[in-house]
Amino acid sequence: MNQINNLLVTTTELISTFSEINIRIKNLYHRSNTDFLELNDYLKDYHKKTRIISENAFRVIDTIAGNSEMDLIGDLEKIYKKLKMKNSSNWI
């Protein structure tokens, strides 16, 4: 009979135990939710950057293949001339 009394759990102990479990579950949920939102933000950022890189790679390939109307050498020459003009005006 003494062993049976030792196995009995009071209502207060049960409520306390389940309350603690509930608190731990809520904390875990909050942490995992925060982690998921952060991961989601990273994935969105990576997707955006990947798309930009992919678009630029296709533009370069099209230009090399001659499928593009872009005049890269002409654009680079214009940039070079502008930089040269700025540098020469800084020396004055």
N, C-alpha and C. Protein backbone atom coordinates (compact mmCIF):
# COMPACT_ATOMS: atom_id res chain seq x y z
N MET A 1 0.82 -1.19 0.00
CA MET A 1 0.00 0.00 0.00
C MET A 1 0.86 1.25 0.00
N ASN A 2 2.00 1.19 0.66
CA ASN A 2 2.89 2.32 0.75
C ASN A 2 3.46 2.67 -0.63
N GLN A 3 3.73 1.63 -1.44
CA GLN A 3 4.24 1.85 -2.79
C GLN A 3 3.20 2.56 -3.65
N ILE A 4 1.96 2.24 -3.50
CA ILE A 4 0.88 2.88 -4.27
C ILE A 4 0.80 4.36 -3.90
N ASN A 5 0.93 4.68 -2.64
CA ASN A 5 0.89 6.07 -2.20
C ASN A 5 2.07 6.86 -2.75
N ASN A 6 3.21 6.22 -2.88
CA ASN A 6 4.37 6.89 -3.43
C ASN A 6 4.20 7.18 -4.93
N LEU A 7 3.43 6.37 -5.64
CA LEU A 7 3.21 6.55 -7.07
C LEU A 7 2.13 7.58 -7.37
N LEU A 8 1.31 7.87 -6.43
CA LEU A 8 0.24 8.84 -6.64
C LEU A 8 0.82 10.24 -6.78
N VAL A 9 0.29 10.97 -7.71
CA VAL A 9 0.74 12.33 -7.97
C VAL A 9 -0.43 13.26 -7.67
N THR A 10 -0.09 14.36 -7.04
CA THR A 10 -1.16 15.29 -6.69
C THR A 10 -1.56 16.10 -7.92
N THR A 11 -2.72 16.65 -7.86
CA THR A 11 -3.23 17.49 -8.94
C THR A 11 -2.32 18.69 -9.16
N THR A 12 -1.83 19.25 -8.10
CA THR A 12 -0.94 20.42 -8.18
C THR A 12 0.36 20.06 -8.92
N GLU A 13 0.90 18.88 -8.62
CA GLU A 13 2.12 18.44 -9.29
C GLU A 13 1.88 18.23 -10.79
N LEU A 14 0.74 17.64 -11.12
CA LEU A 14 0.40 17.44 -12.53
C LEU A 14 0.26 18.77 -13.26
N ILE A 15 -0.46 19.68 -12.66
CA ILE A 15 -0.66 21.00 -13.28
C ILE A 15 0.68 21.71 -13.45
N SER A 16 1.51 21.62 -12.43
CA SER A 16 2.83 22.26 -12.49
C SER A 16 3.67 21.65 -13.61
N THR A 17 3.67 20.35 -13.71
CA THR A 17 4.45 19.66 -14.74
C THR A 17 3.97 20.03 -16.13
N PHE A 18 2.66 19.97 -16.34
CA PHE A 18 2.12 20.30 -17.66
C PHE A 18 2.29 21.79 -17.98
N SER A 19 2.24 22.63 -17.00
CA SER A 19 2.48 24.06 -17.22
C SER A 19 3.91 24.30 -17.67
N GLU A 20 4.84 23.61 -17.03
CA GLU A 20 6.25 23.74 -17.42
C GLU A 20 6.46 23.23 -18.84
N ILE A 21 5.84 22.12 -19.16
CA ILE A 21 5.94 21.57 -20.52
C ILE A 21 5.36 22.57 -21.52
N ASN A 22 4.24 23.16 -21.18
CA ASN A 22 3.60 24.14 -22.06
C ASN A 22 4.51 25.35 -22.29
N ILE A 23 5.14 25.83 -21.23
CA ILE A 23 6.06 26.96 -21.34
C ILE A 23 7.24 26.61 -22.25
N ARG A 24 7.77 25.42 -22.09
CA ARG A 24 8.89 25.00 -22.93
C ARG A 24 8.49 24.88 -24.40
N ILE A 25 7.30 24.39 -24.64
CA ILE A 25 6.81 24.28 -26.02
C ILE A 25 6.64 25.67 -26.63
N LYS A 26 6.09 26.60 -25.87
CA LYS A 26 5.91 27.97 -26.37
C LYS A 26 7.27 28.61 -26.67
N ASN A 27 8.25 28.41 -25.80
CA ASN A 27 9.59 28.95 -26.04
C ASN A 27 10.22 28.35 -27.29
N LEU A 28 10.06 27.05 -27.44
CA LEU A 28 10.60 26.38 -28.62
C LEU A 28 9.91 26.90 -29.88
N TYR A 29 8.61 27.07 -29.83
CA TYR A 29 7.87 27.59 -30.97
C TYR A 29 8.36 29.00 -31.32
N HIS A 30 8.53 29.84 -30.32
CA HIS A 30 8.97 31.21 -30.57
C HIS A 30 10.37 31.23 -31.19
N ARG A 31 11.28 30.44 -30.65
CA ARG A 31 12.64 30.39 -31.20
C ARG A 31 12.66 29.84 -32.62
N SER A 32 11.91 28.77 -32.85
CA SER A 32 11.90 28.19 -34.20
C SER A 32 11.22 29.13 -35.19
N ASN A 33 10.20 29.85 -34.74
CA ASN A 33 9.53 30.80 -35.61
C ASN A 33 10.50 31.92 -36.00
N THR A 34 11.24 32.44 -35.03
CA THR A 34 12.22 33.49 -35.28
C THR A 34 13.30 32.98 -36.23
N ASP A 35 13.79 31.78 -35.99
CA ASP A 35 14.82 31.20 -36.86
C ASP A 35 14.29 31.02 -38.28
N PHE A 36 13.05 30.56 -38.41
CA PHE A 36 12.47 30.34 -39.73
C PHE A 36 12.33 31.66 -40.48
N LEU A 37 11.88 32.70 -39.79
CA LEU A 37 11.72 34.00 -40.45
C LEU A 37 13.07 34.55 -40.91
N GLU A 38 14.09 34.36 -40.09
CA GLU A 38 15.43 34.80 -40.46
C GLU A 38 15.94 34.02 -41.66
N LEU A 39 15.74 32.71 -41.65
CA LEU A 39 16.14 31.86 -42.77
C LEU A 39 15.40 32.29 -44.04
N ASN A 40 14.12 32.56 -43.91
CA ASN A 40 13.31 32.99 -45.04
C ASN A 40 13.86 34.29 -45.63
N ASP A 41 14.24 35.23 -44.79
CA ASP A 41 14.83 36.49 -45.26
C ASP A 41 16.13 36.23 -46.01
N TYR A 42 16.98 35.34 -45.46
CA TYR A 42 18.23 35.00 -46.14
C TYR A 42 17.95 34.38 -47.51
N LEU A 43 17.00 33.46 -47.57
CA LEU A 43 16.69 32.80 -48.83
C LEU A 43 16.16 33.79 -49.87
N LYS A 44 15.33 34.72 -49.43
CA LYS A 44 14.82 35.74 -50.36
C LYS A 44 15.97 36.58 -50.89
N ASP A 45 16.89 36.97 -50.01
CA ASP A 45 18.03 37.78 -50.42
C ASP A 45 18.92 37.00 -51.39
N TYR A 46 19.19 35.74 -51.08
CA TYR A 46 20.01 34.91 -51.96
C TYR A 46 19.34 34.71 -53.32
N HIS A 47 18.04 34.53 -53.32
CA HIS A 47 17.31 34.35 -54.58
C HIS A 47 17.42 35.62 -55.43
N LYS A 48 17.27 36.76 -54.80
CA LYS A 48 17.38 38.04 -55.51
C LYS A 48 18.77 38.20 -56.12
N LYS A 49 19.81 37.92 -55.32
CA LYS A 49 21.18 38.05 -55.82
C LYS A 49 21.46 37.04 -56.92
N THR A 50 20.97 35.83 -56.77
CA THR A 50 21.17 34.79 -57.77
C THR A 50 20.52 35.18 -59.09
N ARG A 51 19.33 35.76 -59.01
CA ARG A 51 18.63 36.18 -60.22
C ARG A 51 19.43 37.28 -60.93
N ILE A 52 19.96 38.24 -60.18
CA ILE A 52 20.76 39.32 -60.77
C ILE A 52 22.00 38.74 -61.45
N ILE A 53 22.68 37.83 -60.76
CA ILE A 53 23.88 37.21 -61.33
C ILE A 53 23.53 36.44 -62.60
N SER A 54 22.43 35.71 -62.57
CA SER A 54 22.01 34.93 -63.72
C SER A 54 21.68 35.83 -64.91
N GLU A 55 20.95 36.91 -64.65
CA GLU A 55 20.62 37.84 -65.73
C GLU A 55 21.88 38.44 -66.34
N ASN A 56 22.83 38.82 -65.49
CA ASN A 56 24.08 39.39 -65.99
C ASN A 56 24.89 38.37 -66.78
N ALA A 57 24.89 37.13 -66.31
CA ALA A 57 25.62 36.08 -67.03
C ALA A 57 25.02 35.86 -68.42
N PHE A 58 23.68 35.86 -68.49
CA PHE A 58 23.03 35.69 -69.80
C PHE A 58 23.35 36.87 -70.73
N ARG A 59 23.42 38.09 -70.16
CA ARG A 59 23.75 39.26 -70.98
C ARG A 59 25.17 39.14 -71.53
N VAL A 60 26.09 38.68 -70.69
CA VAL A 60 27.48 38.51 -71.13
C VAL A 60 27.55 37.45 -72.23
N ILE A 61 26.87 36.33 -72.01
CA ILE A 61 26.89 35.24 -73.02
C ILE A 61 26.27 35.71 -74.33
N ASP A 62 25.14 36.44 -74.24
CA ASP A 62 24.53 36.96 -75.46
C ASP A 62 25.45 37.93 -76.17
N THR A 63 26.15 38.74 -75.41
CA THR A 63 27.07 39.70 -76.01
C THR A 63 28.23 38.98 -76.70
N ILE A 64 28.79 37.98 -76.03
CA ILE A 64 29.89 37.22 -76.61
C ILE A 64 29.43 36.49 -77.86
N ALA A 65 28.23 35.94 -77.82
CA ALA A 65 27.70 35.18 -78.95
C ALA A 65 27.25 36.09 -80.09
N GLY A 66 27.20 37.38 -79.82
CA GLY A 66 26.79 38.32 -80.88
C GLY A 66 25.28 38.45 -80.98
N ASN A 67 24.55 37.96 -80.00
CA ASN A 67 23.09 38.03 -80.03
C ASN A 67 22.55 39.30 -79.41
N SER A 68 23.43 40.18 -79.06
CA SER A 68 23.00 41.39 -78.35
C SER A 68 23.41 42.62 -79.12
N GLU A 69 22.66 43.65 -78.97
CA GLU A 69 22.96 44.91 -79.63
C GLU A 69 23.90 45.77 -78.79
N MET A 70 24.32 45.24 -77.66
CA MET A 70 25.16 46.00 -76.76
C MET A 70 26.55 46.19 -77.37
N ASP A 71 27.07 47.38 -77.20
CA ASP A 71 28.42 47.69 -77.67
C ASP A 71 29.29 47.86 -76.44
N LEU A 72 29.77 46.75 -75.88
CA LEU A 72 30.54 46.80 -74.65
C LEU A 72 31.83 47.59 -74.81
N ILE A 73 32.51 47.40 -75.91
CA ILE A 73 33.77 48.11 -76.11
C ILE A 73 33.51 49.60 -76.20
N GLY A 74 32.47 49.97 -76.93
CA GLY A 74 32.12 51.40 -77.03
C GLY A 74 31.74 51.97 -75.67
N ASP A 75 30.97 51.22 -74.89
CA ASP A 75 30.59 51.67 -73.54
C ASP A 75 31.81 51.83 -72.65
N LEU A 76 32.73 50.88 -72.72
CA LEU A 76 33.95 50.96 -71.93
C LEU A 76 34.81 52.16 -72.35
N GLU A 77 34.87 52.42 -73.64
CA GLU A 77 35.63 53.57 -74.11
C GLU A 77 35.03 54.88 -73.59
N LYS A 78 33.71 54.98 -73.58
CA LYS A 78 33.04 56.18 -73.06
C LYS A 78 33.35 56.36 -71.57
N ILE A 79 33.28 55.27 -70.83
CA ILE A 79 33.58 55.33 -69.39
C ILE A 79 35.03 55.76 -69.18
N TYR A 80 35.93 55.18 -69.98
CA TYR A 80 37.35 55.51 -69.87
C TYR A 80 37.58 57.00 -70.16
N LYS A 81 36.95 57.52 -71.20
CA LYS A 81 37.11 58.93 -71.55
C LYS A 81 36.59 59.84 -70.44
N LYS A 82 35.44 59.47 -69.85
CA LYS A 82 34.88 60.27 -68.75
C LYS A 82 35.82 60.27 -67.55
N LEU A 83 36.35 59.10 -67.23
CA LEU A 83 37.29 59.02 -66.11
C LEU A 83 38.56 59.81 -66.40
N LYS A 84 39.04 59.73 -67.63
CA LYS A 84 40.24 60.45 -68.01
C LYS A 84 40.01 61.96 -67.91
N MET A 85 38.83 62.41 -68.31
CA MET A 85 38.51 63.84 -68.24
C MET A 85 38.42 64.28 -66.77
N LYS A 86 37.80 63.46 -65.93
CA LYS A 86 37.70 63.80 -64.52
C LYS A 86 39.08 63.88 -63.87
N ASN A 87 39.93 62.92 -64.18
CA ASN A 87 41.28 62.90 -63.60
C ASN A 87 42.09 64.09 -64.08
N SER A 88 41.95 64.44 -65.35
CA SER A 88 42.72 65.58 -65.85
C SER A 88 42.21 66.88 -65.26
N SER A 89 40.91 67.00 -64.98
CA SER A 89 40.37 68.22 -64.39
C SER A 89 40.73 68.30 -62.89
N ASN A 90 40.97 67.19 -62.25
CA ASN A 90 41.39 67.19 -60.83
C ASN A 90 42.81 67.69 -60.69
N TRP A 91 43.62 67.54 -61.73
CA TRP A 91 45.03 67.95 -61.66
C TRP A 91 45.18 69.46 -61.85
N ILE A 92 44.19 70.09 -62.35
CA ILE A 92 44.29 71.53 -62.62
C ILE A 92 44.15 72.32 -61.36
